[in-house]
Amino acid sequence: MSNKRSYRSKVRILADMMRAIKKEGELGAGPTKILYAANLSHDRLTQYLEELVEKGLVNETQEDENSRIYKLTGKGREFLSEFVKIERFSQAFGIEV
């Protein structure tokens, strides 16, 4: 066995975040749930959430001045669906995504 540490790609991190949001359903997910589910630091979470919103994969709504909720867009659900297909395909050949 190798002691080589496996790092997640940026795409995998974004997909993990989107899975956390999807898991919460129509209500959406707050930053803390996403942070824990995707195992990220606060700085990286903030950076990646901004990117997901910019790319139209996630919508951000503000419940009040201290509370934000994130929901997948149609484009985000499509991205996640296609990523799962790629993930399965690559696993069939023993390749990490």
N, C-alpha and C. Protein backbone atom coordinates (compact mmCIF):
# COMPACT_ATOMS: atom_id res chain seq x y z
N MET A 1 0.83 -1.20 0.00
CA MET A 1 0.00 0.00 0.00
C MET A 1 0.86 1.25 0.00
N SER A 2 0.42 2.22 -0.69
CA SER A 2 1.15 3.48 -0.80
C SER A 2 0.66 4.47 0.26
N ASN A 3 1.58 5.29 0.73
CA ASN A 3 1.22 6.35 1.67
C ASN A 3 0.90 7.64 0.94
N LYS A 4 0.78 7.55 -0.37
CA LYS A 4 0.51 8.72 -1.19
C LYS A 4 -0.84 9.34 -0.80
N ARG A 5 -0.83 10.61 -0.55
CA ARG A 5 -2.05 11.31 -0.17
C ARG A 5 -2.82 11.69 -1.43
N SER A 6 -4.10 11.44 -1.42
CA SER A 6 -4.94 11.74 -2.57
C SER A 6 -5.63 13.09 -2.38
N TYR A 7 -5.43 13.98 -3.32
CA TYR A 7 -6.06 15.29 -3.27
C TYR A 7 -7.25 15.32 -4.21
N ARG A 8 -8.28 16.05 -3.83
CA ARG A 8 -9.45 16.19 -4.69
C ARG A 8 -9.20 17.27 -5.73
N SER A 9 -9.69 17.02 -6.91
CA SER A 9 -9.61 18.03 -7.96
C SER A 9 -10.63 19.12 -7.64
N LYS A 10 -10.46 20.26 -8.28
CA LYS A 10 -11.40 21.36 -8.08
C LYS A 10 -12.80 20.95 -8.51
N VAL A 11 -12.90 20.23 -9.61
CA VAL A 11 -14.20 19.79 -10.10
C VAL A 11 -14.87 18.88 -9.07
N ARG A 12 -14.10 17.99 -8.45
CA ARG A 12 -14.67 17.09 -7.44
C ARG A 12 -15.14 17.90 -6.23
N ILE A 13 -14.39 18.91 -5.83
CA ILE A 13 -14.79 19.74 -4.70
C ILE A 13 -16.10 20.46 -5.02
N LEU A 14 -16.19 21.03 -6.22
CA LEU A 14 -17.42 21.71 -6.62
C LEU A 14 -18.59 20.73 -6.65
N ALA A 15 -18.36 19.53 -7.14
CA ALA A 15 -19.41 18.51 -7.18
C ALA A 15 -19.82 18.11 -5.77
N ASP A 16 -18.86 17.99 -4.86
CA ASP A 16 -19.18 17.66 -3.46
C ASP A 16 -20.05 18.75 -2.84
N MET A 17 -19.74 19.99 -3.14
CA MET A 17 -20.54 21.11 -2.64
C MET A 17 -21.96 21.04 -3.20
N MET A 18 -22.05 20.77 -4.48
CA MET A 18 -23.35 20.71 -5.13
C MET A 18 -24.17 19.52 -4.63
N ARG A 19 -23.51 18.42 -4.33
CA ARG A 19 -24.21 17.26 -3.74
C ARG A 19 -24.78 17.63 -2.37
N ALA A 20 -24.01 18.38 -1.59
CA ALA A 20 -24.48 18.80 -0.26
C ALA A 20 -25.71 19.68 -0.40
N ILE A 21 -25.72 20.56 -1.39
CA ILE A 21 -26.87 21.43 -1.62
C ILE A 21 -28.07 20.60 -2.08
N LYS A 22 -27.82 19.69 -3.01
CA LYS A 22 -28.90 18.84 -3.54
C LYS A 22 -29.52 18.00 -2.42
N LYS A 23 -28.70 17.50 -1.53
CA LYS A 23 -29.17 16.65 -0.43
C LYS A 23 -30.21 17.37 0.44
N GLU A 24 -30.09 18.68 0.55
CA GLU A 24 -31.02 19.46 1.37
C GLU A 24 -32.36 19.72 0.67
N GLY A 25 -32.43 19.39 -0.61
CA GLY A 25 -33.69 19.49 -1.34
C GLY A 25 -34.07 20.91 -1.69
N GLU A 26 -35.37 21.14 -1.79
CA GLU A 26 -35.91 22.43 -2.23
C GLU A 26 -35.62 23.58 -1.27
N LEU A 27 -35.37 23.25 -0.01
CA LEU A 27 -35.09 24.30 0.97
C LEU A 27 -33.72 24.93 0.75
N GLY A 28 -32.82 24.19 0.13
CA GLY A 28 -31.46 24.68 -0.07
C GLY A 28 -30.61 24.44 1.16
N ALA A 29 -29.35 24.82 1.07
CA ALA A 29 -28.39 24.57 2.15
C ALA A 29 -27.69 25.86 2.55
N GLY A 30 -27.43 25.98 3.81
CA GLY A 30 -26.65 27.10 4.31
C GLY A 30 -25.17 26.80 4.19
N PRO A 31 -24.34 27.83 4.32
CA PRO A 31 -22.90 27.65 4.18
C PRO A 31 -22.30 26.62 5.13
N THR A 32 -22.78 26.55 6.36
CA THR A 32 -22.21 25.63 7.33
C THR A 32 -22.41 24.18 6.90
N LYS A 33 -23.61 23.85 6.43
CA LYS A 33 -23.87 22.48 5.96
C LYS A 33 -22.97 22.13 4.79
N ILE A 34 -22.80 23.07 3.87
CA ILE A 34 -21.95 22.83 2.70
C ILE A 34 -20.51 22.67 3.14
N LEU A 35 -20.06 23.52 4.04
CA LEU A 35 -18.69 23.49 4.53
C LEU A 35 -18.35 22.12 5.12
N TYR A 36 -19.21 21.62 6.00
CA TYR A 36 -18.96 20.32 6.63
C TYR A 36 -19.08 19.17 5.64
N ALA A 37 -20.10 19.19 4.80
CA ALA A 37 -20.31 18.10 3.85
C ALA A 37 -19.18 18.00 2.83
N ALA A 38 -18.66 19.14 2.41
CA ALA A 38 -17.59 19.15 1.40
C ALA A 38 -16.20 19.18 2.02
N ASN A 39 -16.14 19.25 3.35
CA ASN A 39 -14.86 19.24 4.08
C ASN A 39 -13.91 20.33 3.58
N LEU A 40 -14.36 21.58 3.71
CA LEU A 40 -13.59 22.73 3.22
C LEU A 40 -13.32 23.73 4.33
N SER A 41 -12.30 24.54 4.12
CA SER A 41 -12.07 25.68 5.01
C SER A 41 -13.07 26.77 4.62
N HIS A 42 -13.29 27.71 5.51
CA HIS A 42 -14.24 28.79 5.24
C HIS A 42 -13.81 29.61 4.03
N ASP A 43 -12.51 29.90 3.92
CA ASP A 43 -12.02 30.71 2.79
C ASP A 43 -12.28 30.02 1.45
N ARG A 44 -11.96 28.73 1.38
CA ARG A 44 -12.20 28.00 0.12
C ARG A 44 -13.68 27.88 -0.17
N LEU A 45 -14.48 27.66 0.87
CA LEU A 45 -15.93 27.58 0.69
C LEU A 45 -16.45 28.87 0.04
N THR A 46 -16.06 30.00 0.60
CA THR A 46 -16.50 31.29 0.09
C THR A 46 -16.09 31.48 -1.36
N GLN A 47 -14.85 31.16 -1.66
CA GLN A 47 -14.32 31.30 -3.02
C GLN A 47 -15.11 30.43 -4.00
N TYR A 48 -15.32 29.17 -3.65
CA TYR A 48 -16.01 28.25 -4.55
C TYR A 48 -17.51 28.56 -4.67
N LEU A 49 -18.15 29.01 -3.59
CA LEU A 49 -19.55 29.39 -3.68
C LEU A 49 -19.73 30.55 -4.64
N GLU A 50 -18.83 31.53 -4.55
CA GLU A 50 -18.88 32.67 -5.48
C GLU A 50 -18.78 32.19 -6.92
N GLU A 51 -17.87 31.24 -7.15
CA GLU A 51 -17.69 30.72 -8.51
C GLU A 51 -18.92 29.96 -8.99
N LEU A 52 -19.52 29.15 -8.13
CA LEU A 52 -20.73 28.42 -8.51
C LEU A 52 -21.87 29.37 -8.85
N VAL A 53 -21.99 30.45 -8.08
CA VAL A 53 -23.04 31.45 -8.35
C VAL A 53 -22.74 32.17 -9.67
N GLU A 54 -21.49 32.58 -9.88
CA GLU A 54 -21.08 33.28 -11.12
C GLU A 54 -21.39 32.45 -12.35
N LYS A 55 -21.15 31.13 -12.25
CA LYS A 55 -21.33 30.25 -13.40
C LYS A 55 -22.78 29.82 -13.58
N GLY A 56 -23.66 30.27 -12.68
CA GLY A 56 -25.08 29.95 -12.81
C GLY A 56 -25.45 28.54 -12.40
N LEU A 57 -24.58 27.88 -11.63
CA LEU A 57 -24.85 26.52 -11.19
C LEU A 57 -25.62 26.49 -9.87
N VAL A 58 -25.53 27.60 -9.11
CA VAL A 58 -26.15 27.71 -7.80
C VAL A 58 -26.75 29.11 -7.67
N ASN A 59 -27.91 29.20 -7.04
CA ASN A 59 -28.51 30.50 -6.70
C ASN A 59 -28.28 30.77 -5.23
N GLU A 60 -28.03 32.03 -4.92
CA GLU A 60 -27.86 32.45 -3.53
C GLU A 60 -29.02 33.35 -3.16
N THR A 61 -29.67 33.04 -2.04
CA THR A 61 -30.71 33.93 -1.53
C THR A 61 -30.34 34.29 -0.11
N GLN A 62 -30.74 35.47 0.28
CA GLN A 62 -30.42 35.96 1.62
C GLN A 62 -31.70 35.97 2.44
N GLU A 63 -31.74 35.11 3.46
CA GLU A 63 -32.92 35.01 4.33
C GLU A 63 -33.04 36.26 5.19
N ASP A 64 -31.94 36.66 5.80
CA ASP A 64 -31.85 37.92 6.54
C ASP A 64 -30.40 38.38 6.40
N GLU A 65 -30.00 39.40 7.13
CA GLU A 65 -28.65 39.94 6.89
C GLU A 65 -27.52 38.99 7.28
N ASN A 66 -27.81 37.96 8.09
CA ASN A 66 -26.77 37.02 8.51
C ASN A 66 -26.92 35.61 7.93
N SER A 67 -27.94 35.39 7.14
CA SER A 67 -28.25 34.03 6.71
C SER A 67 -28.39 33.94 5.19
N ARG A 68 -27.59 33.07 4.59
CA ARG A 68 -27.67 32.85 3.14
C ARG A 68 -28.04 31.39 2.89
N ILE A 69 -28.79 31.18 1.83
CA ILE A 69 -29.21 29.84 1.43
C ILE A 69 -28.81 29.64 -0.03
N TYR A 70 -28.30 28.45 -0.33
CA TYR A 70 -27.87 28.12 -1.69
C TYR A 70 -28.72 26.99 -2.23
N LYS A 71 -29.15 27.15 -3.49
CA LYS A 71 -29.96 26.13 -4.16
C LYS A 71 -29.37 25.87 -5.54
N LEU A 72 -29.48 24.62 -5.99
CA LEU A 72 -29.02 24.28 -7.33
C LEU A 72 -29.97 24.86 -8.37
N THR A 73 -29.41 25.33 -9.45
CA THR A 73 -30.20 25.77 -10.60
C THR A 73 -30.40 24.55 -11.51
N GLY A 74 -31.19 24.71 -12.54
CA GLY A 74 -31.34 23.64 -13.53
C GLY A 74 -30.00 23.29 -14.14
N LYS A 75 -29.22 24.30 -14.43
CA LYS A 75 -27.88 24.10 -14.99
C LYS A 75 -27.00 23.34 -14.00
N GLY A 76 -27.14 23.64 -12.71
CA GLY A 76 -26.37 22.96 -11.67
C GLY A 76 -26.76 21.49 -11.55
N ARG A 77 -28.07 21.20 -11.62
CA ARG A 77 -28.52 19.81 -11.57
C ARG A 77 -28.00 19.03 -12.78
N GLU A 78 -28.01 19.67 -13.94
CA GLU A 78 -27.51 19.03 -15.16
C GLU A 78 -26.00 18.76 -15.04
N PHE A 79 -25.25 19.74 -14.54
CA PHE A 79 -23.81 19.56 -14.34
C PHE A 79 -23.54 18.37 -13.43
N LEU A 80 -24.25 18.31 -12.30
CA LEU A 80 -24.03 17.25 -11.32
C LEU A 80 -24.37 15.89 -11.92
N SER A 81 -25.44 15.82 -12.67
CA SER A 81 -25.83 14.57 -13.33
C SER A 81 -24.75 14.10 -14.30
N GLU A 82 -24.23 15.01 -15.10
CA GLU A 82 -23.18 14.66 -16.07
C GLU A 82 -21.87 14.29 -15.35
N PHE A 83 -21.58 14.97 -14.25
CA PHE A 83 -20.37 14.65 -13.49
C PHE A 83 -20.44 13.23 -12.94
N VAL A 84 -21.62 12.83 -12.46
CA VAL A 84 -21.79 11.47 -11.93
C VAL A 84 -21.52 10.45 -13.04
N LYS A 85 -21.98 10.73 -14.25
CA LYS A 85 -21.71 9.83 -15.38
C LYS A 85 -20.21 9.72 -15.65
N ILE A 86 -19.54 10.85 -15.65
CA ILE A 86 -18.09 10.87 -15.88
C ILE A 86 -17.37 10.12 -14.77
N GLU A 87 -17.82 10.33 -13.55
CA GLU A 87 -17.23 9.67 -12.39
C GLU A 87 -17.34 8.14 -12.52
N ARG A 88 -18.52 7.65 -12.87
CA ARG A 88 -18.72 6.20 -13.05
C ARG A 88 -17.86 5.66 -14.18
N PHE A 89 -17.83 6.39 -15.28
CA PHE A 89 -17.04 5.96 -16.43
C PHE A 89 -15.55 5.86 -16.07
N SER A 90 -15.04 6.88 -15.40
CA SER A 90 -13.62 6.88 -15.05
C SER A 90 -13.30 5.78 -14.03
N GLN A 91 -14.21 5.53 -13.09
CA GLN A 91 -14.00 4.47 -12.10
C GLN A 91 -13.93 3.10 -12.77
N ALA A 92 -14.69 2.92 -13.83
CA ALA A 92 -14.67 1.65 -14.55
C ALA A 92 -13.29 1.34 -15.12
N PHE A 93 -12.51 2.39 -15.36
CA PHE A 93 -11.17 2.22 -15.89
C PHE A 93 -10.08 2.47 -14.83
N GLY A 94 -10.49 2.66 -13.59
CA GLY A 94 -9.54 2.84 -12.52
C GLY A 94 -8.84 4.20 -12.53
N ILE A 95 -9.53 5.21 -13.04
CA ILE A 95 -8.94 6.55 -13.16
C ILE A 95 -9.66 7.49 -12.20
N GLU A 96 -8.89 8.26 -11.42
CA GLU A 96 -9.46 9.25 -10.51
C GLU A 96 -9.86 10.50 -11.27
N VAL A 97 -11.01 11.07 -10.93
CA VAL A 97 -11.45 12.34 -11.53
C VAL A 97 -11.15 13.45 -10.56
